[in-house]
Amino acid sequence: PGTETVHVYARQEVSSRVRPERWLVGFGQVSVDPGE
């Protein structure tokens, strides 16, 4: 069994200012049993 942290990154395709190539916008954790 294990716990995974899910990271969600984002990128804006066209912007009026230079933006990061990607940046963290959200995260969450989920515990999952083997084979599940």
Full PDB file with SEQRES, HELIX, SHEET, SSBOND, CRYST1, ORIGX, SCALE, CONECT and MASTER records, all heavy atoms in Angstrom:
SEQRES   1 A   36  PRO GLY THR GLU THR VAL HIS VAL TYR ALA ARG GLN GLU          
SEQRES   2 A   36  VAL SER SER ARG VAL ARG PRO GLU ARG TRP LEU VAL GLY          
SEQRES   3 A   36  PHE GLY GLN VAL SER VAL ASP PRO GLY GLU                      
SHEET    1 AA1 2 GLY A   2  ALA A  10  0                                        
SHEET    2 AA1 2 TRP A  23  VAL A  32 -1                                        
CRYST1    1.000    1.000    1.000  90.00  90.00  90.00 P 1           1          
ORIGX1      1.000000  0.000000  0.000000        0.00000                         
ORIGX2      0.000000  1.000000  0.000000        0.00000                         
ORIGX3      0.000000  0.000000  1.000000        0.00000                         
SCALE1      1.000000  0.000000  0.000000        0.00000                         
SCALE2      0.000000  1.000000  0.000000        0.00000                         
SCALE3      0.000000  0.000000  1.000000        0.00000                         
ATOM      1  N   PRO A   1       0.844  -1.201   0.000  1.00  0.00           N  
ATOM      2  CA  PRO A   1       0.000   0.000   0.000  1.00  0.00           C  
ATOM      3  C   PRO A   1       0.876   1.246   0.000  1.00  0.00           C  
ATOM      4  O   PRO A   1       2.022   1.226   0.480  1.00  0.00           O  
ATOM      5  CB  PRO A   1      -0.797  -0.125   1.304  1.00  0.00           C  
ATOM      6  CG  PRO A   1       0.031  -1.006   2.179  1.00  0.00           C  
ATOM      7  CD  PRO A   1       0.744  -1.957   1.264  1.00  0.00           C  
ATOM      8  N   GLY A   2       0.355   2.322  -0.536  1.00  0.00           N  
ATOM      9  CA  GLY A   2       1.128   3.558  -0.586  1.00  0.00           C  
ATOM     10  C   GLY A   2       0.244   4.765  -0.767  1.00  0.00           C  
ATOM     11  O   GLY A   2      -0.936   4.658  -1.117  1.00  0.00           O  
ATOM     12  N   THR A   3       0.836   5.932  -0.512  1.00  0.00           N  
ATOM     13  CA  THR A   3       0.140   7.207  -0.677  1.00  0.00           C  
ATOM     14  C   THR A   3       0.852   8.019  -1.744  1.00  0.00           C  
ATOM     15  O   THR A   3       2.069   8.213  -1.679  1.00  0.00           O  
ATOM     16  CB  THR A   3       0.118   7.993   0.647  1.00  0.00           C  
ATOM     17  OG1 THR A   3      -0.596   7.231   1.627  1.00  0.00           O  
ATOM     18  CG2 THR A   3      -0.558   9.347   0.465  1.00  0.00           C  
ATOM     19  N   GLU A   4       0.097   8.472  -2.727  1.00  0.00           N  
ATOM     20  CA  GLU A   4       0.656   9.267  -3.811  1.00  0.00           C  
ATOM     21  C   GLU A   4       0.169  10.710  -3.703  1.00  0.00           C  
ATOM     22  O   GLU A   4      -1.017  10.961  -3.419  1.00  0.00           O  
ATOM     23  CB  GLU A   4       0.242   8.679  -5.168  1.00  0.00           C  
ATOM     24  CG  GLU A   4       0.656   9.502  -6.376  1.00  0.00           C  
ATOM     25  CD  GLU A   4       2.149   9.488  -6.662  1.00  0.00           C  
ATOM     26  OE1 GLU A   4       2.931   9.342  -5.709  1.00  0.00           O  
ATOM     27  OE2 GLU A   4       2.519   9.635  -7.838  1.00  0.00           O  
ATOM     28  N   THR A   5       1.096  11.645  -3.906  1.00  0.00           N  
ATOM     29  CA  THR A   5       0.735  13.058  -3.994  1.00  0.00           C  
ATOM     30  C   THR A   5       0.592  13.416  -5.465  1.00  0.00           C  
ATOM     31  O   THR A   5       1.535  13.243  -6.253  1.00  0.00           O  
ATOM     32  CB  THR A   5       1.800  13.954  -3.341  1.00  0.00           C  
ATOM     33  OG1 THR A   5       1.896  13.626  -1.950  1.00  0.00           O  
ATOM     34  CG2 THR A   5       1.433  15.421  -3.473  1.00  0.00           C  
ATOM     35  N   VAL A   6      -0.576  13.856  -5.840  1.00  0.00           N  
ATOM     36  CA  VAL A   6      -0.874  14.214  -7.226  1.00  0.00           C  
ATOM     37  C   VAL A   6      -0.659  15.715  -7.395  1.00  0.00           C  
ATOM     38  O   VAL A   6      -1.296  16.528  -6.715  1.00  0.00           O  
ATOM     39  CB  VAL A   6      -2.320  13.829  -7.591  1.00  0.00           C  
ATOM     40  CG1 VAL A   6      -2.647  14.275  -9.010  1.00  0.00           C  
ATOM     41  CG2 VAL A   6      -2.520  12.327  -7.433  1.00  0.00           C  
ATOM     42  N   HIS A   7       0.266  16.076  -8.292  1.00  0.00           N  
ATOM     43  CA  HIS A   7       0.562  17.477  -8.561  1.00  0.00           C  
ATOM     44  C   HIS A   7      -0.087  17.891  -9.871  1.00  0.00           C  
ATOM     45  O   HIS A   7       0.006  17.168 -10.872  1.00  0.00           O  
ATOM     46  CB  HIS A   7       2.071  17.704  -8.675  1.00  0.00           C  
ATOM     47  CG  HIS A   7       2.839  17.271  -7.466  1.00  0.00           C  
ATOM     48  ND1 HIS A   7       3.536  16.080  -7.403  1.00  0.00           N  
ATOM     49  CD2 HIS A   7       3.008  17.863  -6.270  1.00  0.00           C  
ATOM     50  CE1 HIS A   7       4.113  15.963  -6.229  1.00  0.00           C  
ATOM     51  NE2 HIS A   7       3.801  17.029  -5.514  1.00  0.00           N  
ATOM     52  N   VAL A   8      -0.721  19.048  -9.855  1.00  0.00           N  
ATOM     53  CA  VAL A   8      -1.332  19.592 -11.067  1.00  0.00           C  
ATOM     54  C   VAL A   8      -0.596  20.873 -11.436  1.00  0.00           C  
ATOM     55  O   VAL A   8      -0.530  21.822 -10.636  1.00  0.00           O  
ATOM     56  CB  VAL A   8      -2.823  19.889 -10.871  1.00  0.00           C  
ATOM     57  CG1 VAL A   8      -3.434  20.395 -12.184  1.00  0.00           C  
ATOM     58  CG2 VAL A   8      -3.566  18.651 -10.378  1.00  0.00           C  
ATOM     59  N   TYR A   9      -0.026  20.887 -12.631  1.00  0.00           N  
ATOM     60  CA  TYR A   9       0.688  22.059 -13.145  1.00  0.00           C  
ATOM     61  C   TYR A   9      -0.114  22.663 -14.290  1.00  0.00           C  
ATOM     62  O   TYR A   9      -0.953  21.989 -14.909  1.00  0.00           O  
ATOM     63  CB  TYR A   9       2.076  21.666 -13.644  1.00  0.00           C  
ATOM     64  CG  TYR A   9       2.967  21.089 -12.575  1.00  0.00           C  
ATOM     65  CD1 TYR A   9       3.038  19.702 -12.370  1.00  0.00           C  
ATOM     66  CD2 TYR A   9       3.744  21.908 -11.766  1.00  0.00           C  
ATOM     67  CE1 TYR A   9       3.854  19.166 -11.392  1.00  0.00           C  
ATOM     68  CE2 TYR A   9       4.566  21.382 -10.784  1.00  0.00           C  
ATOM     69  CZ  TYR A   9       4.616  20.008 -10.596  1.00  0.00           C  
ATOM     70  OH  TYR A   9       5.415  19.486  -9.623  1.00  0.00           O  
ATOM     71  N   ALA A  10       0.159  23.929 -14.576  1.00  0.00           N  
ATOM     72  CA  ALA A  10      -0.570  24.598 -15.653  1.00  0.00           C  
ATOM     73  C   ALA A  10       0.386  25.398 -16.516  1.00  0.00           C  
ATOM     74  O   ALA A  10       1.491  25.767 -16.094  1.00  0.00           O  
ATOM     75  CB  ALA A  10      -1.646  25.517 -15.081  1.00  0.00           C  
ATOM     76  N   ARG A  11      -0.066  25.661 -17.727  1.00  0.00           N  
ATOM     77  CA  ARG A  11       0.638  26.566 -18.633  1.00  0.00           C  
ATOM     78  C   ARG A  11      -0.392  27.367 -19.412  1.00  0.00           C  
ATOM     79  O   ARG A  11      -1.399  26.814 -19.874  1.00  0.00           O  
ATOM     80  CB  ARG A  11       1.530  25.793 -19.604  1.00  0.00           C  
ATOM     81  CG  ARG A  11       2.327  26.726 -20.540  1.00  0.00           C  
ATOM     82  CD  ARG A  11       3.304  25.957 -21.402  1.00  0.00           C  
ATOM     83  NE  ARG A  11       2.634  25.186 -22.428  1.00  0.00           N  
ATOM     84  CZ  ARG A  11       2.971  23.934 -22.750  1.00  0.00           C  
ATOM     85  NH1 ARG A  11       3.927  23.313 -22.081  1.00  0.00           N  
ATOM     86  NH2 ARG A  11       2.328  23.303 -23.713  1.00  0.00           N  
ATOM     87  N   GLN A  12      -0.148  28.656 -19.547  1.00  0.00           N  
ATOM     88  CA  GLN A  12      -0.998  29.506 -20.380  1.00  0.00           C  
ATOM     89  C   GLN A  12      -0.390  29.547 -21.774  1.00  0.00           C  
ATOM     90  O   GLN A  12       0.790  29.877 -21.943  1.00  0.00           O  
ATOM     91  CB  GLN A  12      -1.082  30.914 -19.778  1.00  0.00           C  
ATOM     92  CG  GLN A  12      -2.042  31.833 -20.504  1.00  0.00           C  
ATOM     93  CD  GLN A  12      -2.145  33.197 -19.836  1.00  0.00           C  
ATOM     94  OE1 GLN A  12      -1.508  33.450 -18.814  1.00  0.00           O  
ATOM     95  NE2 GLN A  12      -2.945  34.085 -20.407  1.00  0.00           N  
ATOM     96  N   GLU A  13      -1.185  29.220 -22.774  1.00  0.00           N  
ATOM     97  CA  GLU A  13      -0.635  29.086 -24.120  1.00  0.00           C  
ATOM     98  C   GLU A  13      -0.223  30.426 -24.724  1.00  0.00           C  
ATOM     99  O   GLU A  13       0.828  30.527 -25.359  1.00  0.00           O  
ATOM    100  CB  GLU A  13      -1.637  28.367 -25.031  1.00  0.00           C  
ATOM    101  CG  GLU A  13      -1.886  26.918 -24.630  1.00  0.00           C  
ATOM    102  CD  GLU A  13      -0.634  26.065 -24.730  1.00  0.00           C  
ATOM    103  OE1 GLU A  13      -0.299  25.610 -25.829  1.00  0.00           O  
ATOM    104  OE2 GLU A  13       0.022  25.859 -23.692  1.00  0.00           O  
ATOM    105  N   VAL A  14      -1.038  31.440 -24.555  1.00  0.00           N  
ATOM    106  CA  VAL A  14      -0.710  32.786 -25.055  1.00  0.00           C  
ATOM    107  C   VAL A  14      -1.089  33.782 -23.973  1.00  0.00           C  
ATOM    108  O   VAL A  14      -2.208  33.741 -23.454  1.00  0.00           O  
ATOM    109  CB  VAL A  14      -1.472  33.120 -26.366  1.00  0.00           C  
ATOM    110  CG1 VAL A  14      -1.108  34.529 -26.833  1.00  0.00           C  
ATOM    111  CG2 VAL A  14      -1.141  32.104 -27.455  1.00  0.00           C  
ATOM    112  N   SER A  15      -0.165  34.662 -23.622  1.00  0.00           N  
ATOM    113  CA  SER A  15      -0.420  35.593 -22.522  1.00  0.00           C  
ATOM    114  C   SER A  15       0.115  36.969 -22.855  1.00  0.00           C  
ATOM    115  O   SER A  15       0.973  37.136 -23.731  1.00  0.00           O  
ATOM    116  CB  SER A  15       0.252  35.085 -21.236  1.00  0.00           C  
ATOM    117  OG  SER A  15       1.626  34.836 -21.465  1.00  0.00           O  
ATOM    118  N   SER A  16      -0.381  37.975 -22.146  1.00  0.00           N  
ATOM    119  CA  SER A  16       0.052  39.350 -22.382  1.00  0.00           C  
ATOM    120  C   SER A  16       1.383  39.659 -21.711  1.00  0.00           C  
ATOM    121  O   SER A  16       2.032  40.644 -22.048  1.00  0.00           O  
ATOM    122  CB  SER A  16      -1.008  40.335 -21.875  1.00  0.00           C  
ATOM    123  OG  SER A  16      -1.163  40.220 -20.464  1.00  0.00           O  
ATOM    124  N   ARG A  17       1.776  38.852 -20.762  1.00  0.00           N  
ATOM    125  CA  ARG A  17       3.082  38.954 -20.105  1.00  0.00           C  
ATOM    126  C   ARG A  17       3.750  37.587 -20.150  1.00  0.00           C  
ATOM    127  O   ARG A  17       3.077  36.559 -20.235  1.00  0.00           O  
ATOM    128  CB  ARG A  17       2.931  39.395 -18.642  1.00  0.00           C  
ATOM    129  CG  ARG A  17       2.457  40.828 -18.445  1.00  0.00           C  
ATOM    130  CD  ARG A  17       3.559  41.835 -18.765  1.00  0.00           C  
ATOM    131  NE  ARG A  17       3.129  43.198 -18.590  1.00  0.00           N  
ATOM    132  CZ  ARG A  17       3.647  44.059 -17.705  1.00  0.00           C  
ATOM    133  NH1 ARG A  17       4.629  43.666 -16.907  1.00  0.00           N  
ATOM    134  NH2 ARG A  17       3.210  45.292 -17.625  1.00  0.00           N  
ATOM    135  N   VAL A  18       5.069  37.580 -20.034  1.00  0.00           N  
ATOM    136  CA  VAL A  18       5.789  36.310 -20.028  1.00  0.00           C  
ATOM    137  C   VAL A  18       5.412  35.535 -18.773  1.00  0.00           C  
ATOM    138  O   VAL A  18       5.518  36.040 -17.654  1.00  0.00           O  
ATOM    139  CB  VAL A  18       7.312  36.536 -20.084  1.00  0.00           C  
ATOM    140  CG1 VAL A  18       8.045  35.200 -19.986  1.00  0.00           C  
ATOM    141  CG2 VAL A  18       7.693  37.261 -21.373  1.00  0.00           C  
ATOM    142  N   ARG A  19       4.955  34.305 -18.972  1.00  0.00           N  
ATOM    143  CA  ARG A  19       4.527  33.455 -17.863  1.00  0.00           C  
ATOM    144  C   ARG A  19       5.494  32.284 -17.706  1.00  0.00           C  
ATOM    145  O   ARG A  19       6.277  31.983 -18.610  1.00  0.00           O  
ATOM    146  CB  ARG A  19       3.114  32.899 -18.115  1.00  0.00           C  
ATOM    147  CG  ARG A  19       2.015  33.906 -18.373  1.00  0.00           C  
ATOM    148  CD  ARG A  19       1.679  34.783 -17.175  1.00  0.00           C  
ATOM    149  NE  ARG A  19       1.516  34.053 -15.935  1.00  0.00           N  
ATOM    150  CZ  ARG A  19       0.382  33.420 -15.563  1.00  0.00           C  
ATOM    151  NH1 ARG A  19      -0.671  33.404 -16.372  1.00  0.00           N  
ATOM    152  NH2 ARG A  19       0.304  32.821 -14.390  1.00  0.00           N  
ATOM    153  N   PRO A  20       5.413  31.577 -16.585  1.00  0.00           N  
ATOM    154  CA  PRO A  20       6.245  30.377 -16.430  1.00  0.00           C  
ATOM    155  C   PRO A  20       5.895  29.315 -17.465  1.00  0.00           C  
ATOM    156  O   PRO A  20       4.768  29.233 -17.954  1.00  0.00           O  
ATOM    157  CB  PRO A  20       5.896  29.904 -15.015  1.00  0.00           C  
ATOM    158  CG  PRO A  20       5.384  31.113 -14.308  1.00  0.00           C  
ATOM    159  CD  PRO A  20       4.665  31.904 -15.354  1.00  0.00           C  
ATOM    160  N   GLU A  21       6.895  28.486 -17.776  1.00  0.00           N  
ATOM    161  CA  GLU A  21       6.645  27.352 -18.663  1.00  0.00           C  
ATOM    162  C   GLU A  21       5.584  26.427 -18.066  1.00  0.00           C  
ATOM    163  O   GLU A  21       4.794  25.820 -18.773  1.00  0.00           O  
ATOM    164  CB  GLU A  21       7.937  26.576 -18.901  1.00  0.00           C  
ATOM    165  CG  GLU A  21       8.948  27.301 -19.758  1.00  0.00           C  
ATOM    166  CD  GLU A  21       8.620  27.225 -21.240  1.00  0.00           C  
ATOM    167  OE1 GLU A  21       7.583  26.631 -21.605  1.00  0.00           O  
ATOM    168  OE2 GLU A  21       9.404  27.773 -22.036  1.00  0.00           O  
ATOM    169  N   ARG A  22       5.591  26.319 -16.750  1.00  0.00           N  
ATOM    170  CA  ARG A  22       4.539  25.630 -16.017  1.00  0.00           C  
ATOM    171  C   ARG A  22       4.653  26.065 -14.563  1.00  0.00           C  
ATOM    172  O   ARG A  22       5.709  26.479 -14.095  1.00  0.00           O  
ATOM    173  CB  ARG A  22       4.648  24.107 -16.132  1.00  0.00           C  
ATOM    174  CG  ARG A  22       5.903  23.530 -15.524  1.00  0.00           C  
ATOM    175  CD  ARG A  22       5.868  22.024 -15.420  1.00  0.00           C  
ATOM    176  NE  ARG A  22       7.004  21.525 -14.667  1.00  0.00           N  
ATOM    177  CZ  ARG A  22       7.029  20.386 -13.985  1.00  0.00           C  
ATOM    178  NH1 ARG A  22       5.954  19.618 -13.963  1.00  0.00           N  
ATOM    179  NH2 ARG A  22       8.098  20.007 -13.325  1.00  0.00           N  
ATOM    180  N   TRP A  23       3.544  25.967 -13.865  1.00  0.00           N  
ATOM    181  CA  TRP A  23       3.579  26.297 -12.444  1.00  0.00           C  
ATOM    182  C   TRP A  23       2.539  25.446 -11.716  1.00  0.00           C  
ATOM    183  O   TRP A  23       1.567  24.975 -12.310  1.00  0.00           O  
ATOM    184  CB  TRP A  23       3.351  27.789 -12.198  1.00  0.00           C  
ATOM    185  CG  TRP A  23       1.960  28.293 -12.476  1.00  0.00           C  
ATOM    186  CD1 TRP A  23       0.957  28.473 -11.566  1.00  0.00           C  
ATOM    187  CD2 TRP A  23       1.412  28.697 -13.746  1.00  0.00           C  
ATOM    188  NE1 TRP A  23      -0.177  28.961 -12.176  1.00  0.00           N  
ATOM    189  CE2 TRP A  23       0.078  29.112 -13.511  1.00  0.00           C  
ATOM    190  CE3 TRP A  23       1.920  28.752 -15.047  1.00  0.00           C  
ATOM    191  CZ2 TRP A  23      -0.747  29.564 -14.536  1.00  0.00           C  
ATOM    192  CZ3 TRP A  23       1.096  29.205 -16.071  1.00  0.00           C  
ATOM    193  CH2 TRP A  23      -0.214  29.597 -15.808  1.00  0.00           C  
ATOM    194  N   LEU A  24       2.770  25.227 -10.420  1.00  0.00           N  
ATOM    195  CA  LEU A  24       1.875  24.406  -9.613  1.00  0.00           C  
ATOM    196  C   LEU A  24       0.579  25.159  -9.346  1.00  0.00           C  
ATOM    197  O   LEU A  24       0.595  26.280  -8.845  1.00  0.00           O  
ATOM    198  CB  LEU A  24       2.547  24.054  -8.286  1.00  0.00           C  
ATOM    199  CG  LEU A  24       1.772  23.110  -7.371  1.00  0.00           C  
ATOM    200  CD1 LEU A  24       1.812  21.687  -7.916  1.00  0.00           C  
ATOM    201  CD2 LEU A  24       2.348  23.157  -5.946  1.00  0.00           C  
ATOM    202  N   VAL A  25      -0.560  24.523  -9.668  1.00  0.00           N  
ATOM    203  CA  VAL A  25      -1.855  25.156  -9.433  1.00  0.00           C  
ATOM    204  C   VAL A  25      -2.730  24.367  -8.456  1.00  0.00           C  
ATOM    205  O   VAL A  25      -3.752  24.869  -7.989  1.00  0.00           O  
ATOM    206  CB  VAL A  25      -2.633  25.375 -10.750  1.00  0.00           C  
ATOM    207  CG1 VAL A  25      -1.929  26.409 -11.620  1.00  0.00           C  
ATOM    208  CG2 VAL A  25      -2.820  24.058 -11.512  1.00  0.00           C  
ATOM    209  N   GLY A  26      -2.333  23.140  -8.135  1.00  0.00           N  
ATOM    210  CA  GLY A  26      -3.131  22.359  -7.193  1.00  0.00           C  
ATOM    211  C   GLY A  26      -2.447  21.046  -6.877  1.00  0.00           C  
ATOM    212  O   GLY A  26      -1.538  20.603  -7.589  1.00  0.00           O  
ATOM    213  N   PHE A  27      -2.883  20.411  -5.783  1.00  0.00           N  
ATOM    214  CA  PHE A  27      -2.344  19.110  -5.414  1.00  0.00           C  
ATOM    215  C   PHE A  27      -3.320  18.417  -4.477  1.00  0.00           C  
ATOM    216  O   PHE A  27      -4.183  19.030  -3.856  1.00  0.00           O  
ATOM    217  CB  PHE A  27      -0.958  19.231  -4.770  1.00  0.00           C  
ATOM    218  CG  PHE A  27      -0.922  20.047  -3.499  1.00  0.00           C  
ATOM    219  CD1 PHE A  27      -1.112  19.454  -2.252  1.00  0.00           C  
ATOM    220  CD2 PHE A  27      -0.682  21.412  -3.549  1.00  0.00           C  
ATOM    221  CE1 PHE A  27      -1.069  20.206  -1.085  1.00  0.00           C  
ATOM    222  CE2 PHE A  27      -0.637  22.170  -2.391  1.00  0.00           C  
ATOM    223  CZ  PHE A  27      -0.836  21.573  -1.150  1.00  0.00           C  
ATOM    224  N   GLY A  28      -3.153  17.120  -4.372  1.00  0.00           N  
ATOM    225  CA  GLY A  28      -3.961  16.321  -3.456  1.00  0.00           C  
ATOM    226  C   GLY A  28      -3.279  14.994  -3.221  1.00  0.00           C  
ATOM    227  O   GLY A  28      -2.320  14.639  -3.915  1.00  0.00           O  
ATOM    228  N   GLN A  29      -3.755  14.243  -2.237  1.00  0.00           N  
ATOM    229  CA  GLN A  29      -3.149  12.958  -1.906  1.00  0.00           C  
ATOM    230  C   GLN A  29      -4.201  11.857  -1.926  1.00  0.00           C  
ATOM    231  O   GLN A  29      -5.363  12.093  -1.595  1.00  0.00           O  
ATOM    232  CB  GLN A  29      -2.484  13.014  -0.528  1.00  0.00           C  
ATOM    233  CG  GLN A  29      -1.227  13.873  -0.491  1.00  0.00           C  
ATOM    234  CD  GLN A  29      -0.531  13.834   0.850  1.00  0.00           C  
ATOM    235  OE1 GLN A  29      -1.170  13.770   1.892  1.00  0.00           O  
ATOM    236  NE2 GLN A  29       0.794  13.886   0.830  1.00  0.00           N  
ATOM    237  N   VAL A  30      -3.750  10.671  -2.312  1.00  0.00           N  
ATOM    238  CA  VAL A  30      -4.646   9.532  -2.347  1.00  0.00           C  
ATOM    239  C   VAL A  30      -3.873   8.289  -1.903  1.00  0.00           C  
ATOM    240  O   VAL A  30      -2.723   8.085  -2.292  1.00  0.00           O  
ATOM    241  CB  VAL A  30      -5.242   9.342  -3.765  1.00  0.00           C  
ATOM    242  CG1 VAL A  30      -4.160   9.116  -4.802  1.00  0.00           C  
ATOM    243  CG2 VAL A  30      -6.261   8.227  -3.780  1.00  0.00           C  
ATOM    244  N   SER A  31      -4.479   7.477  -1.039  1.00  0.00           N  
ATOM    245  CA  SER A  31      -3.881   6.227  -0.581  1.00  0.00           C  
ATOM    246  C   SER A  31      -4.524   5.066  -1.334  1.00  0.00           C  
ATOM    247  O   SER A  31      -5.758   4.999  -1.449  1.00  0.00           O  
ATOM    248  CB  SER A  31      -4.079   6.053   0.926  1.00  0.00           C  
ATOM    249  OG  SER A  31      -3.404   7.075   1.636  1.00  0.00           O  
ATOM    250  N   VAL A  32      -3.673   4.162  -1.848  1.00  0.00           N  
ATOM    251  CA  VAL A  32      -4.165   3.100  -2.716  1.00  0.00           C  
ATOM    252  C   VAL A  32      -3.528   1.779  -2.300  1.00  0.00           C  
ATOM    253  O   VAL A  32      -2.317   1.696  -2.081  1.00  0.00           O  
ATOM    254  CB  VAL A  32      -3.829   3.383  -4.195  1.00  0.00           C  
ATOM    255  CG1 VAL A  32      -4.584   2.415  -5.105  1.00  0.00           C  
ATOM    256  CG2 VAL A  32      -4.142   4.822  -4.577  1.00  0.00           C  
ATOM    257  N   ASP A  33      -4.340   0.735  -2.190  1.00  0.00           N  
ATOM    258  CA  ASP A  33      -3.844  -0.598  -1.879  1.00  0.00           C  
ATOM    259  C   ASP A  33      -3.261  -1.252  -3.131  1.00  0.00           C  
ATOM    260  O   ASP A  33      -3.584  -0.871  -4.266  1.00  0.00           O  
ATOM    261  CB  ASP A  33      -4.976  -1.468  -1.335  1.00  0.00           C  
ATOM    262  CG  ASP A  33      -5.393  -1.052   0.066  1.00  0.00           C  
ATOM    263  OD1 ASP A  33      -4.513  -0.577   0.820  1.00  0.00           O  
ATOM    264  OD2 ASP A  33      -6.589  -1.202   0.400  1.00  0.00           O  
ATOM    265  N   PRO A  34      -2.418  -2.268  -2.964  1.00  0.00           N  
ATOM    266  CA  PRO A  34      -1.819  -2.953  -4.125  1.00  0.00           C  
ATOM    267  C   PRO A  34      -2.886  -3.509  -5.063  1.00  0.00           C  
ATOM    268  O   PRO A  34      -3.890  -4.078  -4.626  1.00  0.00           O  
ATOM    269  CB  PRO A  34      -1.014  -4.091  -3.485  1.00  0.00           C  
ATOM    270  CG  PRO A  34      -0.777  -3.664  -2.075  1.00  0.00           C  
ATOM    271  CD  PRO A  34      -1.953  -2.835  -1.685  1.00  0.00           C  
ATOM    272  N   GLY A  35      -2.662  -3.283  -6.349  1.00  0.00           N  
ATOM    273  CA  GLY A  35      -3.594  -3.793  -7.343  1.00  0.00           C  
ATOM    274  C   GLY A  35      -4.885  -3.015  -7.463  1.00  0.00           C  
ATOM    275  O   GLY A  35      -5.745  -3.352  -8.279  1.00  0.00           O  
ATOM    276  N   GLU A  36      -5.040  -1.992  -6.670  1.00  0.00           N  
ATOM    277  CA  GLU A  36      -6.264  -1.201  -6.685  1.00  0.00           C  
ATOM    278  C   GLU A  36      -6.031   0.135  -7.383  1.00  0.00           C  
ATOM    279  O   GLU A  36      -4.894   0.560  -7.618  1.00  0.00           O  
ATOM    280  CB  GLU A  36      -6.762  -0.947  -5.258  1.00  0.00           C  
ATOM    281  CG  GLU A  36      -7.079  -2.198  -4.465  1.00  0.00           C  
ATOM    282  CD  GLU A  36      -8.255  -2.956  -5.034  1.00  0.00           C  
ATOM    283  OE1 GLU A  36      -9.194  -2.294  -5.527  1.00  0.00           O  
ATOM    284  OE2 GLU A  36      -8.238  -4.201  -5.009  1.00  0.00           O  
TER     285      GLU A  36                                                      
MASTER        0    0    0    0    2    0    0    6  284    1    0    3          
END                                                                             
